[in-house]
Amino acid sequence: MLPHLPEGFTAVVAGANGGIGSAILQSLLSSPQTGHVIAVSRFPLVFEHPKLDSITADITTTTGRQALCERVNGRPVHLLFNAIGLLHDASHSIQPEKRLEQLDEVSFAQVMYINAAIPALLLAALKPSLQGKHATIIASLSARVGSITDNGYGGWYSYRASKAAHNMLLRTAAIELKRLNKQSIVLCLHPGTTDTPLSKPFQARVPTEKLFSAEFVAKQLIDVMAKRSPEETGSFWDWAGEPIDW
């Protein structure tokens, strides 16, 4: 499954109740290579599994991250997969902006916090379990729209900026973690347009062949992770295994 990691490895999945997070979780639980999966989500998981240790916590809060750290209890983490992200939230009137005049400082701050700050804070909280001499992969969902080079259409100011910031924070963390664990691999991953609630309001113009199931995306992203080496830490890849320019 993931040749860089040992047999019976320990994984942490953040956002395990979301579309992609749930699919990644199921893939990990079904693999004989996986030993233990700590899954954290805001709402309880509706199933049990011998390899599964589920935590109901909101890791966008200090309390939630502390609860996760207490459950990890300092043990080595071989895979950390972050599937938490925010594109829209009707309850807080958050939508992707099409024009500059639609920018709102409160919405902008929230999108930046969830998409950029939280992945970095998650790594900071679990840092003792990521450093050392054990193989570890840290993967966090990004988006192609976070690429400055690839931005040819404009719009989506907050989301684009938050994913660009996400990428910078993960690349910077990769440099620090490489000093502390030479076997660490930090990856920013673009899943493509996936049939989840996050993309639901924007699927109308997406060709059928470019709208992926969460199960397909999980399989593809695991394959991308499986092909990476420590020399590629701090890099940005799409679901098809192609590198993305920053």
Foldseek 3Di string as FASTA:
>chain_A
DAVLAAAQAEEEQEQCVFFLNVLLVVVLLPDNRHNAYEYEECDDDPDDGPRYDYDNADLLDPVRLVVVCVVCVLAAHAEYEYEWAAAADVVVGHHWFADPVPDDPVNLVVRLSGLAVSLLVSCVSCVSNHFDAHAHEYEYEAALLLAPVPPPDDTRVSNNVSRVNNLVSQLVVLVVRCVRYVNYAYEYEHQFAEPTPRCVVPCPPPPPVRYHYSNLSSVLVSVLSSPDGSVNHSFYAYSNNHGHHD
